[in-house]
Amino acid sequence: TGFTSVIIAVCFMISLFFSPILSVITLEVTAPALIIVGTFM
């Protein structure tokens, strides 16, 4: 549902203030999620 989108938007709002933390989210960290999700699709 759209509540998932609301949570995503809230996370983006928070990220405006916590930009230094975003450096830990590297491409290698999210790579497994994209590989697995591709399988589902």
Full PDB file with SEQRES, HELIX, SHEET, SSBOND, CRYST1, ORIGX, SCALE, CONECT and MASTER records, all heavy atoms in Angstrom:
SEQRES   1 A   41  THR GLY PHE THR SER VAL ILE ILE ALA VAL CYS PHE MET          
SEQRES   2 A   41  ILE SER LEU PHE PHE SER PRO ILE LEU SER VAL ILE THR          
SEQRES   3 A   41  LEU GLU VAL THR ALA PRO ALA LEU ILE ILE VAL GLY THR          
SEQRES   4 A   41  PHE MET                                                      
HELIX    1 AA1 GLY A    2  PHE A   17  1                                  16    
HELIX    2 AA2 SER A   19  VAL A   24  5                                   6    
HELIX    3 AA3 LEU A   27  PHE A   40  1                                  14    
CRYST1    1.000    1.000    1.000  90.00  90.00  90.00 P 1           1          
ORIGX1      1.000000  0.000000  0.000000        0.00000                         
ORIGX2      0.000000  1.000000  0.000000        0.00000                         
ORIGX3      0.000000  0.000000  1.000000        0.00000                         
SCALE1      1.000000  0.000000  0.000000        0.00000                         
SCALE2      0.000000  1.000000  0.000000        0.00000                         
SCALE3      0.000000  0.000000  1.000000        0.00000                         
ATOM      1  N   THR A   1       0.826  -1.210   0.000  1.00  0.00           N  
ATOM      2  CA  THR A   1       0.000   0.000   0.000  1.00  0.00           C  
ATOM      3  C   THR A   1       0.861   1.261   0.000  1.00  0.00           C  
ATOM      4  O   THR A   1       2.083   1.203   0.130  1.00  0.00           O  
ATOM      5  CB  THR A   1      -0.922   0.057   1.243  1.00  0.00           C  
ATOM      6  OG1 THR A   1      -0.133   0.421   2.390  1.00  0.00           O  
ATOM      7  CG2 THR A   1      -1.601  -1.279   1.496  1.00  0.00           C  
ATOM      8  N   GLY A   2       0.192   2.390  -0.074  1.00  0.00           N  
ATOM      9  CA  GLY A   2       0.878   3.664  -0.069  1.00  0.00           C  
ATOM     10  C   GLY A   2       1.539   3.998   1.255  1.00  0.00           C  
ATOM     11  O   GLY A   2       2.348   4.923   1.328  1.00  0.00           O  
ATOM     12  N   PHE A   3       1.212   3.242   2.312  1.00  0.00           N  
ATOM     13  CA  PHE A   3       1.870   3.497   3.593  1.00  0.00           C  
ATOM     14  C   PHE A   3       3.365   3.184   3.489  1.00  0.00           C  
ATOM     15  O   PHE A   3       4.184   3.824   4.157  1.00  0.00           O  
ATOM     16  CB  PHE A   3       1.231   2.663   4.707  1.00  0.00           C  
ATOM     17  CG  PHE A   3       1.689   3.059   6.088  1.00  0.00           C  
ATOM     18  CD1 PHE A   3       1.273   4.251   6.659  1.00  0.00           C  
ATOM     19  CD2 PHE A   3       2.548   2.251   6.805  1.00  0.00           C  
ATOM     20  CE1 PHE A   3       1.705   4.623   7.923  1.00  0.00           C  
ATOM     21  CE2 PHE A   3       2.991   2.605   8.069  1.00  0.00           C  
ATOM     22  CZ  PHE A   3       2.558   3.802   8.637  1.00  0.00           C  
ATOM     23  N   THR A   4       3.706   2.217   2.643  1.00  0.00           N  
ATOM     24  CA  THR A   4       5.121   1.941   2.374  1.00  0.00           C  
ATOM     25  C   THR A   4       5.791   3.202   1.827  1.00  0.00           C  
ATOM     26  O   THR A   4       6.903   3.559   2.234  1.00  0.00           O  
ATOM     27  CB  THR A   4       5.259   0.795   1.353  1.00  0.00           C  
ATOM     28  OG1 THR A   4       4.814  -0.427   1.946  1.00  0.00           O  
ATOM     29  CG2 THR A   4       6.699   0.622   0.895  1.00  0.00           C  
ATOM     30  N   SER A   5       5.120   3.897   0.913  1.00  0.00           N  
ATOM     31  CA  SER A   5       5.668   5.123   0.336  1.00  0.00           C  
ATOM     32  C   SER A   5       5.803   6.225   1.373  1.00  0.00           C  
ATOM     33  O   SER A   5       6.751   7.016   1.330  1.00  0.00           O  
ATOM     34  CB  SER A   5       4.778   5.603  -0.820  1.00  0.00           C  
ATOM     35  OG  SER A   5       4.779   4.663  -1.867  1.00  0.00           O  
ATOM     36  N   VAL A   6       4.845   6.288   2.301  1.00  0.00           N  
ATOM     37  CA  VAL A   6       4.930   7.287   3.371  1.00  0.00           C  
ATOM     38  C   VAL A   6       6.191   7.052   4.208  1.00  0.00           C  
ATOM     39  O   VAL A   6       6.916   7.995   4.541  1.00  0.00           O  
ATOM     40  CB  VAL A   6       3.669   7.237   4.263  1.00  0.00           C  
ATOM     41  CG1 VAL A   6       3.853   8.132   5.490  1.00  0.00           C  
ATOM     42  CG2 VAL A   6       2.434   7.665   3.481  1.00  0.00           C  
ATOM     43  N   ILE A   7       6.472   5.791   4.528  1.00  0.00           N  
ATOM     44  CA  ILE A   7       7.671   5.449   5.297  1.00  0.00           C  
ATOM     45  C   ILE A   7       8.931   5.835   4.520  1.00  0.00           C  
ATOM     46  O   ILE A   7       9.884   6.394   5.076  1.00  0.00           O  
ATOM     47  CB  ILE A   7       7.693   3.947   5.639  1.00  0.00           C  
ATOM     48  CG1 ILE A   7       6.516   3.577   6.542  1.00  0.00           C  
ATOM     49  CG2 ILE A   7       9.013   3.568   6.301  1.00  0.00           C  
ATOM     50  CD1 ILE A   7       6.511   4.283   7.877  1.00  0.00           C  
ATOM     51  N   ILE A   8       8.929   5.565   3.210  1.00  0.00           N  
ATOM     52  CA  ILE A   8      10.081   5.924   2.362  1.00  0.00           C  
ATOM     53  C   ILE A   8      10.299   7.437   2.397  1.00  0.00           C  
ATOM     54  O   ILE A   8      11.427   7.917   2.563  1.00  0.00           O  
ATOM     55  CB  ILE A   8       9.858   5.465   0.909  1.00  0.00           C  
ATOM     56  CG1 ILE A   8       9.727   3.940   0.833  1.00  0.00           C  
ATOM     57  CG2 ILE A   8      11.015   5.941   0.011  1.00  0.00           C  
ATOM     58  CD1 ILE A   8       9.192   3.436  -0.503  1.00  0.00           C  
ATOM     59  N   ALA A   9       9.201   8.199   2.258  1.00  0.00           N  
ATOM     60  CA  ALA A   9       9.297   9.660   2.262  1.00  0.00           C  
ATOM     61  C   ALA A   9       9.823  10.171   3.601  1.00  0.00           C  
ATOM     62  O   ALA A   9      10.647  11.100   3.645  1.00  0.00           O  
ATOM     63  CB  ALA A   9       7.929  10.273   1.957  1.00  0.00           C  
ATOM     64  N   VAL A  10       9.364   9.578   4.699  1.00  0.00           N  
ATOM     65  CA  VAL A  10       9.833   9.968   6.031  1.00  0.00           C  
ATOM     66  C   VAL A  10      11.340   9.717   6.145  1.00  0.00           C  
ATOM     67  O   VAL A  10      12.086  10.533   6.697  1.00  0.00           O  
ATOM     68  CB  VAL A  10       9.069   9.208   7.133  1.00  0.00           C  
ATOM     69  CG1 VAL A  10       9.741   9.412   8.488  1.00  0.00           C  
ATOM     70  CG2 VAL A  10       7.623   9.672   7.192  1.00  0.00           C  
ATOM     71  N   CYS A  11      11.793   8.582   5.610  1.00  0.00           N  
ATOM     72  CA  CYS A  11      13.229   8.264   5.629  1.00  0.00           C  
ATOM     73  C   CYS A  11      14.029   9.292   4.844  1.00  0.00           C  
ATOM     74  O   CYS A  11      15.126   9.703   5.271  1.00  0.00           O  
ATOM     75  CB  CYS A  11      13.469   6.861   5.059  1.00  0.00           C  
ATOM     76  SG  CYS A  11      12.908   5.509   6.131  1.00  0.00           S  
ATOM     77  N   PHE A  12      13.490   9.733   3.711  1.00  0.00           N  
ATOM     78  CA  PHE A  12      14.177  10.772   2.933  1.00  0.00           C  
ATOM     79  C   PHE A  12      14.212  12.098   3.704  1.00  0.00           C  
ATOM     80  O   PHE A  12      15.193  12.845   3.631  1.00  0.00           O  
ATOM     81  CB  PHE A  12      13.494  10.974   1.579  1.00  0.00           C  
ATOM     82  CG  PHE A  12      14.003  10.066   0.491  1.00  0.00           C  
ATOM     83  CD1 PHE A  12      13.191   9.078  -0.046  1.00  0.00           C  
ATOM     84  CD2 PHE A  12      15.285  10.199   0.000  1.00  0.00           C  
ATOM     85  CE1 PHE A  12      13.657   8.236  -1.049  1.00  0.00           C  
ATOM     86  CE2 PHE A  12      15.769   9.368  -1.003  1.00  0.00           C  
ATOM     87  CZ  PHE A  12      14.949   8.378  -1.524  1.00  0.00           C  
ATOM     88  N   MET A  13      13.128  12.393   4.444  1.00  0.00           N  
ATOM     89  CA  MET A  13      13.113  13.604   5.270  1.00  0.00           C  
ATOM     90  C   MET A  13      14.219  13.550   6.327  1.00  0.00           C  
ATOM     91  O   MET A  13      14.964  14.504   6.525  1.00  0.00           O  
ATOM     92  CB  MET A  13      11.748  13.744   5.967  1.00  0.00           C  
ATOM     93  CG  MET A  13      10.594  14.097   5.066  1.00  0.00           C  
ATOM     94  SD  MET A  13       9.052  14.217   6.023  1.00  0.00           S  
ATOM     95  CE  MET A  13       7.842  14.188   4.685  1.00  0.00           C  
ATOM     96  N   ILE A  14      14.300  12.407   6.999  1.00  0.00           N  
ATOM     97  CA  ILE A  14      15.318  12.236   8.041  1.00  0.00           C  
ATOM     98  C   ILE A  14      16.716  12.325   7.450  1.00  0.00           C  
ATOM     99  O   ILE A  14      17.636  12.885   8.063  1.00  0.00           O  
ATOM    100  CB  ILE A  14      15.114  10.878   8.755  1.00  0.00           C  
ATOM    101  CG1 ILE A  14      13.779  10.874   9.512  1.00  0.00           C  
ATOM    102  CG2 ILE A  14      16.264  10.586   9.719  1.00  0.00           C  
ATOM    103  CD1 ILE A  14      13.387   9.523  10.072  1.00  0.00           C  
ATOM    104  N   SER A  15      16.862  11.801   6.231  1.00  0.00           N  
ATOM    105  CA  SER A  15      18.194  11.783   5.601  1.00  0.00           C  
ATOM    106  C   SER A  15      18.735  13.190   5.352  1.00  0.00           C  
ATOM    107  O   SER A  15      19.947  13.390   5.264  1.00  0.00           O  
ATOM    108  CB  SER A  15      18.140  11.016   4.277  1.00  0.00           C  
ATOM    109  OG  SER A  15      17.411  11.731   3.287  1.00  0.00           O  
ATOM    110  N   LEU A  16      17.847  14.182   5.239  1.00  0.00           N  
ATOM    111  CA  LEU A  16      18.290  15.560   5.061  1.00  0.00           C  
ATOM    112  C   LEU A  16      19.158  16.024   6.233  1.00  0.00           C  
ATOM    113  O   LEU A  16      20.080  16.818   6.068  1.00  0.00           O  
ATOM    114  CB  LEU A  16      17.077  16.490   4.925  1.00  0.00           C  
ATOM    115  CG  LEU A  16      16.394  16.541   3.558  1.00  0.00           C  
ATOM    116  CD1 LEU A  16      15.052  17.251   3.669  1.00  0.00           C  
ATOM    117  CD2 LEU A  16      17.276  17.240   2.536  1.00  0.00           C  
ATOM    118  N   PHE A  17      18.852  15.507   7.414  1.00  0.00           N  
ATOM    119  CA  PHE A  17      19.586  15.901   8.618  1.00  0.00           C  
ATOM    120  C   PHE A  17      20.729  14.942   8.965  1.00  0.00           C  
ATOM    121  O   PHE A  17      21.617  15.284   9.730  1.00  0.00           O  
ATOM    122  CB  PHE A  17      18.631  15.971   9.809  1.00  0.00           C  
ATOM    123  CG  PHE A  17      17.495  16.937   9.616  1.00  0.00           C  
ATOM    124  CD1 PHE A  17      16.277  16.505   9.120  1.00  0.00           C  
ATOM    125  CD2 PHE A  17      17.657  18.282   9.909  1.00  0.00           C  
ATOM    126  CE1 PHE A  17      15.231  17.399   8.938  1.00  0.00           C  
ATOM    127  CE2 PHE A  17      16.615  19.179   9.722  1.00  0.00           C  
ATOM    128  CZ  PHE A  17      15.399  18.739   9.232  1.00  0.00           C  
ATOM    129  N   PHE A  18      20.654  13.721   8.417  1.00  0.00           N  
ATOM    130  CA  PHE A  18      21.645  12.709   8.773  1.00  0.00           C  
ATOM    131  C   PHE A  18      22.435  12.248   7.548  1.00  0.00           C  
ATOM    132  O   PHE A  18      22.701  11.062   7.373  1.00  0.00           O  
ATOM    133  CB  PHE A  18      20.952  11.511   9.432  1.00  0.00           C  
ATOM    134  CG  PHE A  18      20.314  11.837  10.745  1.00  0.00           C  
ATOM    135  CD1 PHE A  18      19.003  12.274  10.807  1.00  0.00           C  
ATOM    136  CD2 PHE A  18      21.031  11.734  11.926  1.00  0.00           C  
ATOM    137  CE1 PHE A  18      18.412  12.591  12.025  1.00  0.00           C  
ATOM    138  CE2 PHE A  18      20.444  12.043  13.147  1.00  0.00           C  
ATOM    139  CZ  PHE A  18      19.129  12.478  13.192  1.00  0.00           C  
ATOM    140  N   SER A  19      22.822  13.204   6.710  1.00  0.00           N  
ATOM    141  CA  SER A  19      23.540  12.861   5.489  1.00  0.00           C  
ATOM    142  C   SER A  19      24.843  12.097   5.731  1.00  0.00           C  
ATOM    143  O   SER A  19      25.210  11.248   4.903  1.00  0.00           O  
ATOM    144  CB  SER A  19      23.816  14.122   4.663  1.00  0.00           C  
ATOM    145  OG  SER A  19      24.507  15.084   5.432  1.00  0.00           O  
ATOM    146  N   PRO A  20      25.586  12.344   6.841  1.00  0.00           N  
ATOM    147  CA  PRO A  20      26.826  11.572   7.039  1.00  0.00           C  
ATOM    148  C   PRO A  20      26.601  10.067   7.143  1.00  0.00           C  
ATOM    149  O   PRO A  20      27.457   9.274   6.747  1.00  0.00           O  
ATOM    150  CB  PRO A  20      27.385  12.137   8.356  1.00  0.00           C  
ATOM    151  CG  PRO A  20      26.842  13.519   8.435  1.00  0.00           C  
ATOM    152  CD  PRO A  20      25.459  13.410   7.845  1.00  0.00           C  
ATOM    153  N   ILE A  21      25.440   9.656   7.680  1.00  0.00           N  
ATOM    154  CA  ILE A  21      25.169   8.233   7.848  1.00  0.00           C  
ATOM    155  C   ILE A  21      24.994   7.540   6.494  1.00  0.00           C  
ATOM    156  O   ILE A  21      25.244   6.346   6.353  1.00  0.00           O  
ATOM    157  CB  ILE A  21      23.902   8.027   8.718  1.00  0.00           C  
ATOM    158  CG1 ILE A  21      24.172   8.525  10.130  1.00  0.00           C  
ATOM    159  CG2 ILE A  21      23.486   6.567   8.767  1.00  0.00           C  
ATOM    160  CD1 ILE A  21      23.009   8.378  11.076  1.00  0.00           C  
ATOM    161  N   LEU A  22      24.567   8.300   5.477  1.00  0.00           N  
ATOM    162  CA  LEU A  22      24.299   7.701   4.170  1.00  0.00           C  
ATOM    163  C   LEU A  22      25.561   7.116   3.539  1.00  0.00           C  
ATOM    164  O   LEU A  22      25.480   6.269   2.652  1.00  0.00           O  
ATOM    165  CB  LEU A  22      23.695   8.746   3.228  1.00  0.00           C  
ATOM    166  CG  LEU A  22      22.298   9.235   3.603  1.00  0.00           C  
ATOM    167  CD1 LEU A  22      21.875  10.369   2.695  1.00  0.00           C  
ATOM    168  CD2 LEU A  22      21.292   8.097   3.547  1.00  0.00           C  
ATOM    169  N   SER A  23      26.718   7.542   4.006  1.00  0.00           N  
ATOM    170  CA  SER A  23      27.967   7.031   3.439  1.00  0.00           C  
ATOM    171  C   SER A  23      28.141   5.541   3.692  1.00  0.00           C  
ATOM    172  O   SER A  23      28.917   4.882   3.006  1.00  0.00           O  
ATOM    173  CB  SER A  23      29.163   7.798   4.016  1.00  0.00           C  
ATOM    174  OG  SER A  23      29.250   7.613   5.425  1.00  0.00           O  
ATOM    175  N   VAL A  24      27.420   4.988   4.677  1.00  0.00           N  
ATOM    176  CA  VAL A  24      27.569   3.557   4.981  1.00  0.00           C  
ATOM    177  C   VAL A  24      26.756   2.697   4.014  1.00  0.00           C  
ATOM    178  O   VAL A  24      26.961   1.484   3.935  1.00  0.00           O  
ATOM    179  CB  VAL A  24      27.166   3.229   6.436  1.00  0.00           C  
ATOM    180  CG1 VAL A  24      27.929   4.097   7.412  1.00  0.00           C  
ATOM    181  CG2 VAL A  24      25.659   3.383   6.655  1.00  0.00           C  
ATOM    182  N   ILE A  25      25.821   3.320   3.292  1.00  0.00           N  
ATOM    183  CA  ILE A  25      24.990   2.545   2.356  1.00  0.00           C  
ATOM    184  C   ILE A  25      25.702   2.517   1.009  1.00  0.00           C  
ATOM    185  O   ILE A  25      25.454   3.327   0.129  1.00  0.00           O  
ATOM    186  CB  ILE A  25      23.578   3.158   2.224  1.00  0.00           C  
ATOM    187  CG1 ILE A  25      22.930   3.298   3.599  1.00  0.00           C  
ATOM    188  CG2 ILE A  25      22.703   2.290   1.323  1.00  0.00           C  
ATOM    189  CD1 ILE A  25      21.625   4.063   3.596  1.00  0.00           C  
ATOM    190  N   THR A  26      26.606   1.579   0.859  1.00  0.00           N  
ATOM    191  CA  THR A  26      27.396   1.474  -0.369  1.00  0.00           C  
ATOM    192  C   THR A  26      26.678   0.611  -1.395  1.00  0.00           C  
ATOM    193  O   THR A  26      25.721  -0.111  -1.078  1.00  0.00           O  
ATOM    194  CB  THR A  26      28.771   0.862  -0.059  1.00  0.00           C  
ATOM    195  OG1 THR A  26      28.580  -0.481   0.420  1.00  0.00           O  
ATOM    196  CG2 THR A  26      29.513   1.669   0.993  1.00  0.00           C  
ATOM    197  N   LEU A  27      27.153   0.660  -2.621  1.00  0.00           N  
ATOM    198  CA  LEU A  27      26.552  -0.139  -3.687  1.00  0.00           C  
ATOM    199  C   LEU A  27      26.689  -1.631  -3.395  1.00  0.00           C  
ATOM    200  O   LEU A  27      25.795  -2.426  -3.721  1.00  0.00           O  
ATOM    201  CB  LEU A  27      27.222   0.196  -5.025  1.00  0.00           C  
ATOM    202  CG  LEU A  27      27.004   1.629  -5.539  1.00  0.00           C  
ATOM    203  CD1 LEU A  27      27.758   1.835  -6.837  1.00  0.00           C  
ATOM    204  CD2 LEU A  27      25.523   1.915  -5.739  1.00  0.00           C  
ATOM    205  N   GLU A  28      27.807  -2.041  -2.779  1.00  0.00           N  
ATOM    206  CA  GLU A  28      28.013  -3.456  -2.463  1.00  0.00           C  
ATOM    207  C   GLU A  28      27.005  -3.953  -1.432  1.00  0.00           C  
ATOM    208  O   GLU A  28      26.607  -5.117  -1.447  1.00  0.00           O  
ATOM    209  CB  GLU A  28      29.437  -3.679  -1.916  1.00  0.00           C  
ATOM    210  CG  GLU A  28      30.543  -3.488  -2.933  1.00  0.00           C  
ATOM    211  CD  GLU A  28      30.931  -2.041  -3.126  1.00  0.00           C  
ATOM    212  OE1 GLU A  28      30.435  -1.186  -2.347  1.00  0.00           O  
ATOM    213  OE2 GLU A  28      31.719  -1.742  -4.044  1.00  0.00           O  
ATOM    214  N   VAL A  29      26.578  -3.067  -0.536  1.00  0.00           N  
ATOM    215  CA  VAL A  29      25.620  -3.440   0.509  1.00  0.00           C  
ATOM    216  C   VAL A  29      24.238  -3.720  -0.070  1.00  0.00           C  
ATOM    217  O   VAL A  29      23.548  -4.656   0.339  1.00  0.00           O  
ATOM    218  CB  VAL A  29      25.548  -2.318   1.578  1.00  0.00           C  
ATOM    219  CG1 VAL A  29      24.322  -2.490   2.465  1.00  0.00           C  
ATOM    220  CG2 VAL A  29      26.817  -2.320   2.424  1.00  0.00           C  
ATOM    221  N   THR A  30      23.815  -2.896  -1.038  1.00  0.00           N  
ATOM    222  CA  THR A  30      22.477  -3.069  -1.616  1.00  0.00           C  
ATOM    223  C   THR A  30      22.459  -4.034  -2.798  1.00  0.00           C  
ATOM    224  O   THR A  30      21.388  -4.429  -3.255  1.00  0.00           O  
ATOM    225  CB  THR A  30      21.911  -1.713  -2.071  1.00  0.00           C  
ATOM    226  OG1 THR A  30      22.807  -1.119  -3.023  1.00  0.00           O  
ATOM    227  CG2 THR A  30      21.748  -0.765  -0.893  1.00  0.00           C  
ATOM    228  N   ALA A  31      23.628  -4.431  -3.285  1.00  0.00           N  
ATOM    229  CA  ALA A  31      23.697  -5.334  -4.436  1.00  0.00           C  
ATOM    230  C   ALA A  31      22.931  -6.644  -4.221  1.00  0.00           C  
ATOM    231  O   ALA A  31      22.171  -7.075  -5.104  1.00  0.00           O  
ATOM    232  CB  ALA A  31      25.160  -5.619  -4.790  1.00  0.00           C  
ATOM    233  N   PRO A  32      23.078  -7.335  -3.069  1.00  0.00           N  
ATOM    234  CA  PRO A  32      22.336  -8.584  -2.871  1.00  0.00           C  
ATOM    235  C   PRO A  32      20.826  -8.410  -2.979  1.00  0.00           C  
ATOM    236  O   PRO A  32      20.132  -9.274  -3.539  1.00  0.00           O  
ATOM    237  CB  PRO A  32      22.744  -9.008  -1.451  1.00  0.00           C  
ATOM    238  CG  PRO A  32      24.074  -8.377  -1.238  1.00  0.00           C  
ATOM    239  CD  PRO A  32      23.993  -7.061  -1.944  1.00  0.00           C  
ATOM    240  N   ALA A  33      20.308  -7.286  -2.460  1.00  0.00           N  
ATOM    241  CA  ALA A  33      18.864  -7.037  -2.530  1.00  0.00           C  
ATOM    242  C   ALA A  33      18.402  -6.952  -3.976  1.00  0.00           C  
ATOM    243  O   ALA A  33      17.374  -7.539  -4.354  1.00  0.00           O  
ATOM    244  CB  ALA A  33      18.521  -5.746  -1.778  1.00  0.00           C  
ATOM    245  N   LEU A  34      19.156  -6.245  -4.811  1.00  0.00           N  
ATOM    246  CA  LEU A  34      18.766  -6.096  -6.221  1.00  0.00           C  
ATOM    247  C   LEU A  34      18.843  -7.430  -6.958  1.00  0.00           C  
ATOM    248  O   LEU A  34      17.982  -7.744  -7.794  1.00  0.00           O  
ATOM    249  CB  LEU A  34      19.664  -5.062  -6.898  1.00  0.00           C  
ATOM    250  CG  LEU A  34      19.598  -3.636  -6.332  1.00  0.00           C  
ATOM    251  CD1 LEU A  34      20.506  -2.711  -7.121  1.00  0.00           C  
ATOM    252  CD2 LEU A  34      18.170  -3.112  -6.347  1.00  0.00           C  
ATOM    253  N   ILE A  35      19.857  -8.229  -6.650  1.00  0.00           N  
ATOM    254  CA  ILE A  35      20.000  -9.534  -7.302  1.00  0.00           C  
ATOM    255  C   ILE A  35      18.812 -10.435  -6.975  1.00  0.00           C  
ATOM    256  O   ILE A  35      18.235 -11.074  -7.863  1.00  0.00           O  
ATOM    257  CB  ILE A  35      21.323 -10.204  -6.872  1.00  0.00           C  
ATOM    258  CG1 ILE A  35      22.522  -9.396  -7.389  1.00  0.00           C  
ATOM    259  CG2 ILE A  35      21.406 -11.640  -7.389  1.00  0.00           C  
ATOM    260  CD1 ILE A  35      23.853  -9.797  -6.775  1.00  0.00           C  
ATOM    261  N   ILE A  36      18.444 -10.471  -5.709  1.00  0.00           N  
ATOM    262  CA  ILE A  36      17.333 -11.324  -5.264  1.00  0.00           C  
ATOM    263  C   ILE A  36      16.007 -10.822  -5.812  1.00  0.00           C  
ATOM    264  O   ILE A  36      15.170 -11.603  -6.287  1.00  0.00           O  
ATOM    265  CB  ILE A  36      17.280 -11.379  -3.731  1.00  0.00           C  
ATOM    266  CG1 ILE A  36      18.513 -12.091  -3.174  1.00  0.00           C  
ATOM    267  CG2 ILE A  36      16.011 -12.086  -3.259  1.00  0.00           C  
ATOM    268  CD1 ILE A  36      18.641 -13.540  -3.580  1.00  0.00           C  
ATOM    269  N   VAL A  37      15.803  -9.516  -5.766  1.00  0.00           N  
ATOM    270  CA  VAL A  37      14.548  -8.938  -6.252  1.00  0.00           C  
ATOM    271  C   VAL A  37      14.364  -9.237  -7.737  1.00  0.00           C  
ATOM    272  O   VAL A  37      13.244  -9.520  -8.201  1.00  0.00           O  
ATOM    273  CB  VAL A  37      14.527  -7.422  -5.989  1.00  0.00           C  
ATOM    274  CG1 VAL A  37      13.427  -6.749  -6.787  1.00  0.00           C  
ATOM    275  CG2 VAL A  37      14.324  -7.166  -4.509  1.00  0.00           C  
ATOM    276  N   GLY A  38      15.457  -9.192  -8.500  1.00  0.00           N  
ATOM    277  CA  GLY A  38      15.374  -9.532  -9.915  1.00  0.00           C  
ATOM    278  C   GLY A  38      14.817 -10.926 -10.117  1.00  0.00           C  
ATOM    279  O   GLY A  38      14.029 -11.175 -11.037  1.00  0.00           O  
ATOM    280  N   THR A  39      15.189 -11.844  -9.231  1.00  0.00           N  
ATOM    281  CA  THR A  39      14.676 -13.215  -9.301  1.00  0.00           C  
ATOM    282  C   THR A  39      13.164 -13.238  -9.167  1.00  0.00           C  
ATOM    283  O   THR A  39      12.462 -13.924  -9.919  1.00  0.00           O  
ATOM    284  CB  THR A  39      15.296 -14.075  -8.180  1.00  0.00           C  
ATOM    285  OG1 THR A  39      16.721 -14.011  -8.272  1.00  0.00           O  
ATOM    286  CG2 THR A  39      14.850 -15.523  -8.281  1.00  0.00           C  
ATOM    287  N   PHE A  40      12.650 -12.479  -8.196  1.00  0.00           N  
ATOM    288  CA  PHE A  40      11.199 -12.446  -7.987  1.00  0.00           C  
ATOM    289  C   PHE A  40      10.470 -11.895  -9.211  1.00  0.00           C  
ATOM    290  O   PHE A  40       9.413 -12.399  -9.610  1.00  0.00           O  
ATOM    291  CB  PHE A  40      10.859 -11.581  -6.762  1.00  0.00           C  
ATOM    292  CG  PHE A  40      11.351 -12.143  -5.460  1.00  0.00           C  
ATOM    293  CD1 PHE A  40      11.796 -11.300  -4.454  1.00  0.00           C  
ATOM    294  CD2 PHE A  40      11.380 -13.506  -5.237  1.00  0.00           C  
ATOM    295  CE1 PHE A  40      12.258 -11.812  -3.251  1.00  0.00           C  
ATOM    296  CE2 PHE A  40      11.831 -14.031  -4.035  1.00  0.00           C  
ATOM    297  CZ  PHE A  40      12.275 -13.191  -3.034  1.00  0.00           C  
ATOM    298  N   MET A  41      11.033 -10.851  -9.811  1.00  0.00           N  
ATOM    299  CA  MET A  41      10.362 -10.215 -10.937  1.00  0.00           C  
ATOM    300  C   MET A  41      10.394 -11.078 -12.194  1.00  0.00           C  
ATOM    301  O   MET A  41       9.451 -11.061 -13.000  1.00  0.00           O  
ATOM    302  CB  MET A  41      10.991  -8.848 -11.207  1.00  0.00           C  
ATOM    303  CG  MET A  41      10.860  -7.882 -10.043  1.00  0.00           C  
ATOM    304  SD  MET A  41      11.523  -6.242 -10.383  1.00  0.00           S  
ATOM    305  CE  MET A  41      10.246  -5.608 -11.459  1.00  0.00           C  
TER     306      MET A  41                                                      
MASTER        0    0    0    3    0    0    0    6  305    1    0    4          
END                                                                             
